[in-house]
Amino acid sequence: MTYVRETGECMMNAATTGLAAGMALGFAGYFGGFWAFLLVLVLGTAGLITGLALQGDLDLRARRRR
């Protein structure tokens, strides 16, 4: 399910995003086996980290200083 912010930006909520990720992993595991499942999991995690960093919700510089 999506909702629209006051700025007109359309956003997905966490439940919908989790459902889409779970379905993608399920399809990869069913049709491609374990290695396809693992590849989708790793690339999905990399995409999530990249997206959060570009969006500004994840500050990689602050985590690097620790």
N, C-alpha and C. Protein backbone atom coordinates (compact mmCIF):
# COMPACT_ATOMS: atom_id res chain seq x y z
N MET A 1 0.84 -1.16 0.00
CA MET A 1 0.00 0.00 0.00
C MET A 1 0.90 1.24 0.00
N THR A 2 0.49 2.22 -0.70
CA THR A 2 1.28 3.45 -0.77
C THR A 2 0.48 4.60 -0.18
N TYR A 3 1.18 5.61 0.21
CA TYR A 3 0.53 6.83 0.64
C TYR A 3 1.28 8.00 0.05
N VAL A 4 0.64 9.13 -0.02
CA VAL A 4 1.22 10.30 -0.66
C VAL A 4 1.54 11.33 0.42
N ARG A 5 2.77 11.79 0.43
CA ARG A 5 3.15 12.84 1.37
C ARG A 5 2.57 14.17 0.92
N GLU A 6 2.65 15.16 1.77
CA GLU A 6 2.14 16.49 1.44
C GLU A 6 2.87 17.09 0.24
N THR A 7 4.09 16.65 0.01
CA THR A 7 4.87 17.17 -1.12
C THR A 7 4.50 16.50 -2.43
N GLY A 8 3.60 15.52 -2.38
CA GLY A 8 3.19 14.81 -3.57
C GLY A 8 4.03 13.57 -3.84
N GLU A 9 5.00 13.32 -2.96
CA GLU A 9 5.88 12.16 -3.10
C GLU A 9 5.13 10.91 -2.66
N CYS A 10 5.18 9.87 -3.45
CA CYS A 10 4.49 8.62 -3.16
C CYS A 10 5.46 7.68 -2.44
N MET A 11 5.07 7.17 -1.28
CA MET A 11 5.94 6.32 -0.46
C MET A 11 5.25 4.99 -0.17
N MET A 12 6.05 3.92 -0.07
CA MET A 12 5.54 2.62 0.34
C MET A 12 5.80 2.45 1.84
N ASN A 13 4.89 1.77 2.53
CA ASN A 13 5.13 1.55 3.95
C ASN A 13 6.00 0.31 4.15
N ALA A 14 6.44 0.08 5.35
CA ALA A 14 7.39 -0.99 5.65
C ALA A 14 6.78 -2.37 5.42
N ALA A 15 5.50 -2.54 5.68
CA ALA A 15 4.87 -3.84 5.49
C ALA A 15 4.85 -4.23 4.01
N THR A 16 4.55 -3.28 3.15
CA THR A 16 4.52 -3.56 1.71
C THR A 16 5.91 -3.86 1.19
N THR A 17 6.89 -3.12 1.65
CA THR A 17 8.26 -3.36 1.24
C THR A 17 8.74 -4.73 1.70
N GLY A 18 8.42 -5.09 2.94
CA GLY A 18 8.78 -6.40 3.46
C GLY A 18 8.09 -7.53 2.71
N LEU A 19 6.83 -7.33 2.35
CA LEU A 19 6.10 -8.33 1.59
C LEU A 19 6.74 -8.53 0.21
N ALA A 20 7.10 -7.46 -0.46
CA ALA A 20 7.73 -7.56 -1.78
C ALA A 20 9.09 -8.26 -1.68
N ALA A 21 9.87 -7.93 -0.67
CA ALA A 21 11.17 -8.57 -0.49
C ALA A 21 11.01 -10.05 -0.18
N GLY A 22 10.07 -10.38 0.66
CA GLY A 22 9.82 -11.78 1.00
C GLY A 22 9.36 -12.59 -0.20
N MET A 23 8.51 -12.00 -1.02
CA MET A 23 8.06 -12.70 -2.22
C MET A 23 9.20 -12.90 -3.21
N ALA A 24 10.05 -11.90 -3.37
CA ALA A 24 11.20 -12.04 -4.27
C ALA A 24 12.13 -13.14 -3.79
N LEU A 25 12.40 -13.19 -2.50
CA LEU A 25 13.25 -14.25 -1.95
C LEU A 25 12.59 -15.61 -2.08
N GLY A 26 11.30 -15.66 -1.88
CA GLY A 26 10.58 -16.93 -2.02
C GLY A 26 10.62 -17.46 -3.44
N PHE A 27 10.40 -16.59 -4.41
CA PHE A 27 10.47 -17.01 -5.82
C PHE A 27 11.88 -17.45 -6.19
N ALA A 28 12.87 -16.70 -5.73
CA ALA A 28 14.25 -17.07 -6.03
C ALA A 28 14.60 -18.42 -5.42
N GLY A 29 14.18 -18.66 -4.20
CA GLY A 29 14.45 -19.93 -3.56
C GLY A 29 13.72 -21.09 -4.20
N TYR A 30 12.49 -20.86 -4.62
CA TYR A 30 11.69 -21.94 -5.21
C TYR A 30 12.18 -22.30 -6.61
N PHE A 31 12.39 -21.28 -7.44
CA PHE A 31 12.73 -21.54 -8.84
C PHE A 31 14.24 -21.67 -9.08
N GLY A 32 15.05 -21.03 -8.26
CA GLY A 32 16.48 -21.03 -8.53
C GLY A 32 17.32 -21.82 -7.54
N GLY A 33 16.73 -22.22 -6.43
CA GLY A 33 17.48 -22.97 -5.43
C GLY A 33 18.15 -22.06 -4.42
N PHE A 34 18.99 -22.68 -3.61
CA PHE A 34 19.62 -21.97 -2.50
C PHE A 34 20.53 -20.83 -2.95
N TRP A 35 21.33 -21.07 -4.00
CA TRP A 35 22.30 -20.04 -4.42
C TRP A 35 21.59 -18.82 -5.01
N ALA A 36 20.48 -19.03 -5.71
CA ALA A 36 19.71 -17.91 -6.22
C ALA A 36 19.09 -17.12 -5.06
N PHE A 37 18.60 -17.85 -4.06
CA PHE A 37 18.05 -17.22 -2.87
C PHE A 37 19.12 -16.35 -2.20
N LEU A 38 20.30 -16.90 -2.04
CA LEU A 38 21.39 -16.18 -1.39
C LEU A 38 21.81 -14.96 -2.21
N LEU A 39 21.88 -15.09 -3.52
CA LEU A 39 22.24 -13.97 -4.39
C LEU A 39 21.22 -12.85 -4.28
N VAL A 40 19.93 -13.19 -4.31
CA VAL A 40 18.88 -12.18 -4.18
C VAL A 40 18.95 -11.51 -2.82
N LEU A 41 19.22 -12.27 -1.78
CA LEU A 41 19.33 -11.71 -0.43
C LEU A 41 20.48 -10.72 -0.33
N VAL A 42 21.65 -11.09 -0.86
CA VAL A 42 22.83 -10.22 -0.78
C VAL A 42 22.63 -8.96 -1.61
N LEU A 43 22.14 -9.11 -2.84
CA LEU A 43 21.93 -7.94 -3.70
C LEU A 43 20.81 -7.05 -3.17
N GLY A 44 19.80 -7.65 -2.58
CA GLY A 44 18.73 -6.85 -1.97
C GLY A 44 19.23 -6.04 -0.79
N THR A 45 20.08 -6.64 0.03
CA THR A 45 20.66 -5.92 1.16
C THR A 45 21.56 -4.77 0.68
N ALA A 46 22.35 -5.04 -0.34
CA ALA A 46 23.20 -3.97 -0.90
C ALA A 46 22.36 -2.85 -1.47
N GLY A 47 21.28 -3.19 -2.13
CA GLY A 47 20.37 -2.17 -2.67
C GLY A 47 19.69 -1.36 -1.58
N LEU A 48 19.31 -2.03 -0.50
CA LEU A 48 18.69 -1.34 0.63
C LEU A 48 19.65 -0.34 1.26
N ILE A 49 20.89 -0.77 1.49
CA ILE A 49 21.88 0.12 2.09
C ILE A 49 22.17 1.30 1.18
N THR A 50 22.30 1.05 -0.12
CA THR A 50 22.54 2.12 -1.08
C THR A 50 21.38 3.09 -1.11
N GLY A 51 20.17 2.56 -1.15
CA GLY A 51 18.99 3.42 -1.19
C GLY A 51 18.84 4.27 0.06
N LEU A 52 19.09 3.69 1.22
CA LEU A 52 19.00 4.45 2.47
C LEU A 52 20.07 5.54 2.53
N ALA A 53 21.26 5.22 2.04
CA ALA A 53 22.34 6.22 2.04
C ALA A 53 22.02 7.37 1.10
N LEU A 54 21.51 7.06 -0.09
CA LEU A 54 21.18 8.11 -1.06
C LEU A 54 20.00 8.95 -0.59
N GLN A 55 19.07 8.33 0.12
CA GLN A 55 17.90 9.03 0.62
C GLN A 55 18.24 9.92 1.81
N GLY A 56 19.34 9.60 2.49
CA GLY A 56 19.74 10.40 3.64
C GLY A 56 19.34 9.81 4.97
N ASP A 57 18.75 8.63 4.97
CA ASP A 57 18.33 7.99 6.22
C ASP A 57 19.45 7.20 6.88
N LEU A 58 20.55 7.00 6.19
CA LEU A 58 21.68 6.24 6.71
C LEU A 58 22.94 7.05 6.47
N ASP A 59 23.60 7.43 7.54
CA ASP A 59 24.82 8.22 7.43
C ASP A 59 26.02 7.27 7.61
N LEU A 60 26.64 6.92 6.51
CA LEU A 60 27.75 5.98 6.55
C LEU A 60 29.00 6.60 7.18
N ARG A 61 29.16 7.90 7.06
CA ARG A 61 30.33 8.56 7.65
C ARG A 61 30.29 8.50 9.18
N ALA A 62 29.10 8.64 9.76
CA ALA A 62 28.97 8.58 11.22
C ALA A 62 29.29 7.18 11.73
N ARG A 63 28.88 6.17 11.00
CA ARG A 63 29.15 4.78 11.40
C ARG A 63 30.63 4.45 11.24
N ARG A 64 31.29 5.08 10.31
CA ARG A 64 32.70 4.79 10.05
C ARG A 64 33.60 5.36 11.14
N ARG A 65 33.19 6.44 11.78
CA ARG A 65 34.00 7.08 12.82
C ARG A 65 34.06 6.27 14.09
N ARG A 66 33.10 5.40 14.31
CA ARG A 66 33.05 4.62 15.57
C ARG A 66 34.14 3.62 15.66
